[in-house]
Amino acid sequence: MKIAQMTGNRALKEQAVYEHRLAMKKVGINPIVPLTNLLQLPFLISWFFSLEYMSKMPGLYPQMTT
């Protein structure tokens, strides 16, 4: 695949992509499954924002000062 990209050979690149997809299908890997990790992103962002909020209010949350 790298050789096809470096040389700009479109046919070789398409063949490499096709073979990669066949290999993934043969092993049973679904290319959509790793994208489900993006569902964790909203929870992570809200967690960071809540920690920031708590650290800026030492009157309500004195444990966050140390």
N, C-alpha and C. Protein backbone atom coordinates (compact mmCIF):
# COMPACT_ATOMS: atom_id res chain seq x y z
N MET A 1 0.83 -1.18 0.00
CA MET A 1 0.00 0.00 0.00
C MET A 1 0.88 1.24 0.00
N LYS A 2 1.96 1.24 0.81
CA LYS A 2 2.83 2.40 0.85
C LYS A 2 3.52 2.62 -0.49
N ILE A 3 3.91 1.54 -1.12
CA ILE A 3 4.57 1.66 -2.43
C ILE A 3 3.61 2.26 -3.44
N ALA A 4 2.36 1.82 -3.41
CA ALA A 4 1.36 2.34 -4.33
C ALA A 4 1.12 3.83 -4.09
N GLN A 5 1.11 4.25 -2.83
CA GLN A 5 0.91 5.66 -2.52
C GLN A 5 2.11 6.49 -2.93
N MET A 6 3.30 5.96 -2.70
CA MET A 6 4.50 6.72 -3.03
C MET A 6 4.69 6.87 -4.53
N THR A 7 4.35 5.83 -5.28
CA THR A 7 4.53 5.89 -6.74
C THR A 7 3.34 6.54 -7.43
N GLY A 8 2.22 6.62 -6.75
CA GLY A 8 1.04 7.22 -7.36
C GLY A 8 0.31 6.26 -8.28
N ASN A 9 0.58 4.98 -8.13
CA ASN A 9 -0.05 3.96 -8.96
C ASN A 9 -1.44 3.66 -8.42
N ARG A 10 -2.44 4.17 -9.10
CA ARG A 10 -3.81 4.06 -8.62
C ARG A 10 -4.32 2.61 -8.65
N ALA A 11 -3.98 1.89 -9.69
CA ALA A 11 -4.45 0.50 -9.82
C ALA A 11 -3.85 -0.37 -8.72
N LEU A 12 -2.58 -0.16 -8.43
CA LEU A 12 -1.93 -0.93 -7.37
C LEU A 12 -2.53 -0.60 -6.00
N LYS A 13 -2.86 0.66 -5.80
CA LYS A 13 -3.47 1.07 -4.53
C LYS A 13 -4.86 0.44 -4.38
N GLU A 14 -5.65 0.46 -5.44
CA GLU A 14 -6.98 -0.15 -5.37
C GLU A 14 -6.89 -1.64 -5.11
N GLN A 15 -5.90 -2.30 -5.70
CA GLN A 15 -5.71 -3.72 -5.47
C GLN A 15 -5.33 -3.99 -4.01
N ALA A 16 -4.47 -3.15 -3.45
CA ALA A 16 -4.06 -3.32 -2.06
C ALA A 16 -5.24 -3.11 -1.12
N VAL A 17 -6.07 -2.12 -1.40
CA VAL A 17 -7.25 -1.86 -0.57
C VAL A 17 -8.21 -3.04 -0.65
N TYR A 18 -8.40 -3.56 -1.86
CA TYR A 18 -9.29 -4.71 -2.05
C TYR A 18 -8.79 -5.92 -1.27
N GLU A 19 -7.48 -6.19 -1.35
CA GLU A 19 -6.92 -7.33 -0.63
C GLU A 19 -7.03 -7.14 0.88
N HIS A 20 -6.86 -5.91 1.34
CA HIS A 20 -7.00 -5.62 2.77
C HIS A 20 -8.43 -5.89 3.23
N ARG A 21 -9.39 -5.45 2.45
CA ARG A 21 -10.79 -5.70 2.81
C ARG A 21 -11.12 -7.19 2.82
N LEU A 22 -10.58 -7.91 1.84
CA LEU A 22 -10.81 -9.36 1.82
C LEU A 22 -10.19 -10.04 3.04
N ALA A 23 -9.00 -9.62 3.42
CA ALA A 23 -8.34 -10.21 4.58
C ALA A 23 -9.14 -9.91 5.85
N MET A 24 -9.65 -8.69 5.98
CA MET A 24 -10.46 -8.35 7.16
C MET A 24 -11.75 -9.17 7.18
N LYS A 25 -12.35 -9.35 6.03
CA LYS A 25 -13.59 -10.13 5.96
C LYS A 25 -13.32 -11.59 6.29
N LYS A 26 -12.18 -12.11 5.83
CA LYS A 26 -11.83 -13.50 6.07
C LYS A 26 -11.64 -13.76 7.57
N VAL A 27 -11.03 -12.82 8.27
CA VAL A 27 -10.78 -12.97 9.70
C VAL A 27 -12.03 -12.67 10.51
N GLY A 28 -12.94 -11.89 9.94
CA GLY A 28 -14.19 -11.57 10.63
C GLY A 28 -14.18 -10.23 11.33
N ILE A 29 -13.37 -9.30 10.84
CA ILE A 29 -13.28 -7.98 11.44
C ILE A 29 -14.23 -7.04 10.70
N ASN A 30 -15.10 -6.39 11.46
CA ASN A 30 -16.01 -5.41 10.89
C ASN A 30 -15.37 -4.03 11.00
N PRO A 31 -15.23 -3.29 9.89
CA PRO A 31 -14.55 -2.00 9.95
C PRO A 31 -15.34 -0.92 10.71
N ILE A 32 -16.60 -1.14 11.00
CA ILE A 32 -17.42 -0.15 11.70
C ILE A 32 -17.24 -0.26 13.22
N VAL A 33 -16.91 -1.40 13.73
CA VAL A 33 -16.84 -1.63 15.17
C VAL A 33 -15.85 -0.70 15.88
N PRO A 34 -14.64 -0.47 15.37
CA PRO A 34 -13.75 0.46 16.08
C PRO A 34 -14.31 1.88 16.17
N LEU A 35 -15.17 2.26 15.29
CA LEU A 35 -15.76 3.60 15.34
C LEU A 35 -16.73 3.77 16.50
N THR A 36 -17.18 2.67 17.08
CA THR A 36 -18.10 2.77 18.21
C THR A 36 -17.41 3.36 19.45
N ASN A 37 -16.08 3.36 19.46
CA ASN A 37 -15.36 3.99 20.57
C ASN A 37 -15.60 5.49 20.61
N LEU A 38 -16.02 6.07 19.51
CA LEU A 38 -16.32 7.50 19.49
C LEU A 38 -17.54 7.83 20.34
N LEU A 39 -18.34 6.83 20.67
CA LEU A 39 -19.49 7.06 21.54
C LEU A 39 -19.07 7.44 22.95
N GLN A 40 -17.84 7.14 23.32
CA GLN A 40 -17.34 7.48 24.65
C GLN A 40 -16.97 8.96 24.75
N LEU A 41 -16.76 9.60 23.63
CA LEU A 41 -16.28 10.98 23.63
C LEU A 41 -17.19 11.96 24.37
N PRO A 42 -18.51 11.95 24.21
CA PRO A 42 -19.33 12.88 24.97
C PRO A 42 -19.22 12.69 26.48
N PHE A 43 -19.10 11.46 26.93
CA PHE A 43 -18.96 11.20 28.36
C PHE A 43 -17.62 11.74 28.88
N LEU A 44 -16.57 11.56 28.11
CA LEU A 44 -15.26 12.06 28.51
C LEU A 44 -15.26 13.58 28.60
N ILE A 45 -15.85 14.24 27.61
CA ILE A 45 -15.90 15.70 27.61
C ILE A 45 -16.72 16.22 28.78
N SER A 46 -17.85 15.61 29.06
CA SER A 46 -18.67 16.07 30.18
C SER A 46 -17.97 15.82 31.51
N TRP A 47 -17.20 14.75 31.61
CA TRP A 47 -16.45 14.47 32.82
C TRP A 47 -15.40 15.55 33.08
N PHE A 48 -14.68 15.94 32.03
CA PHE A 48 -13.68 17.00 32.18
C PHE A 48 -14.32 18.33 32.54
N PHE A 49 -15.44 18.66 31.92
CA PHE A 49 -16.12 19.91 32.24
C PHE A 49 -16.64 19.92 33.68
N SER A 50 -17.13 18.78 34.15
CA SER A 50 -17.62 18.73 35.52
C SER A 50 -16.47 18.86 36.52
N LEU A 51 -15.32 18.27 36.22
CA LEU A 51 -14.16 18.43 37.10
C LEU A 51 -13.69 19.88 37.12
N GLU A 52 -13.72 20.53 35.97
CA GLU A 52 -13.34 21.94 35.92
C GLU A 52 -14.31 22.79 36.74
N TYR A 53 -15.59 22.50 36.62
CA TYR A 53 -16.61 23.24 37.36
C TYR A 53 -16.41 23.06 38.86
N MET A 54 -16.16 21.83 39.28
CA MET A 54 -15.98 21.55 40.70
C MET A 54 -14.72 22.20 41.24
N SER A 55 -13.67 22.28 40.44
CA SER A 55 -12.42 22.88 40.93
C SER A 55 -12.53 24.39 41.04
N LYS A 56 -13.45 25.01 40.33
CA LYS A 56 -13.61 26.46 40.39
C LYS A 56 -14.57 26.90 41.49
N MET A 57 -15.15 25.97 42.22
CA MET A 57 -16.09 26.30 43.28
C MET A 57 -15.62 25.67 44.60
N PRO A 58 -14.57 26.24 45.21
CA PRO A 58 -14.05 25.63 46.45
C PRO A 58 -15.01 25.76 47.62
N GLY A 59 -15.96 26.67 47.56
CA GLY A 59 -16.93 26.79 48.64
C GLY A 59 -17.85 25.59 48.70
N LEU A 60 -18.25 25.08 47.55
CA LEU A 60 -19.14 23.92 47.50
C LEU A 60 -18.39 22.60 47.60
N TYR A 61 -17.17 22.58 47.04
CA TYR A 61 -16.40 21.35 47.01
C TYR A 61 -15.01 21.59 47.60
N PRO A 62 -14.89 21.63 48.92
CA PRO A 62 -13.57 21.92 49.51
C PRO A 62 -12.55 20.81 49.28
N GLN A 63 -13.00 19.61 48.95
CA GLN A 63 -12.07 18.51 48.71
C GLN A 63 -11.26 18.74 47.42
N MET A 64 -11.76 19.58 46.52
CA MET A 64 -11.09 19.79 45.25
C MET A 64 -9.93 20.78 45.35
N THR A 65 -9.71 21.39 46.50
CA THR A 65 -8.64 22.37 46.63
C THR A 65 -7.28 21.72 46.80
N THR A 66 -7.25 20.47 47.24
CA THR A 66 -5.97 19.79 47.43
C THR A 66 -5.87 18.58 46.55
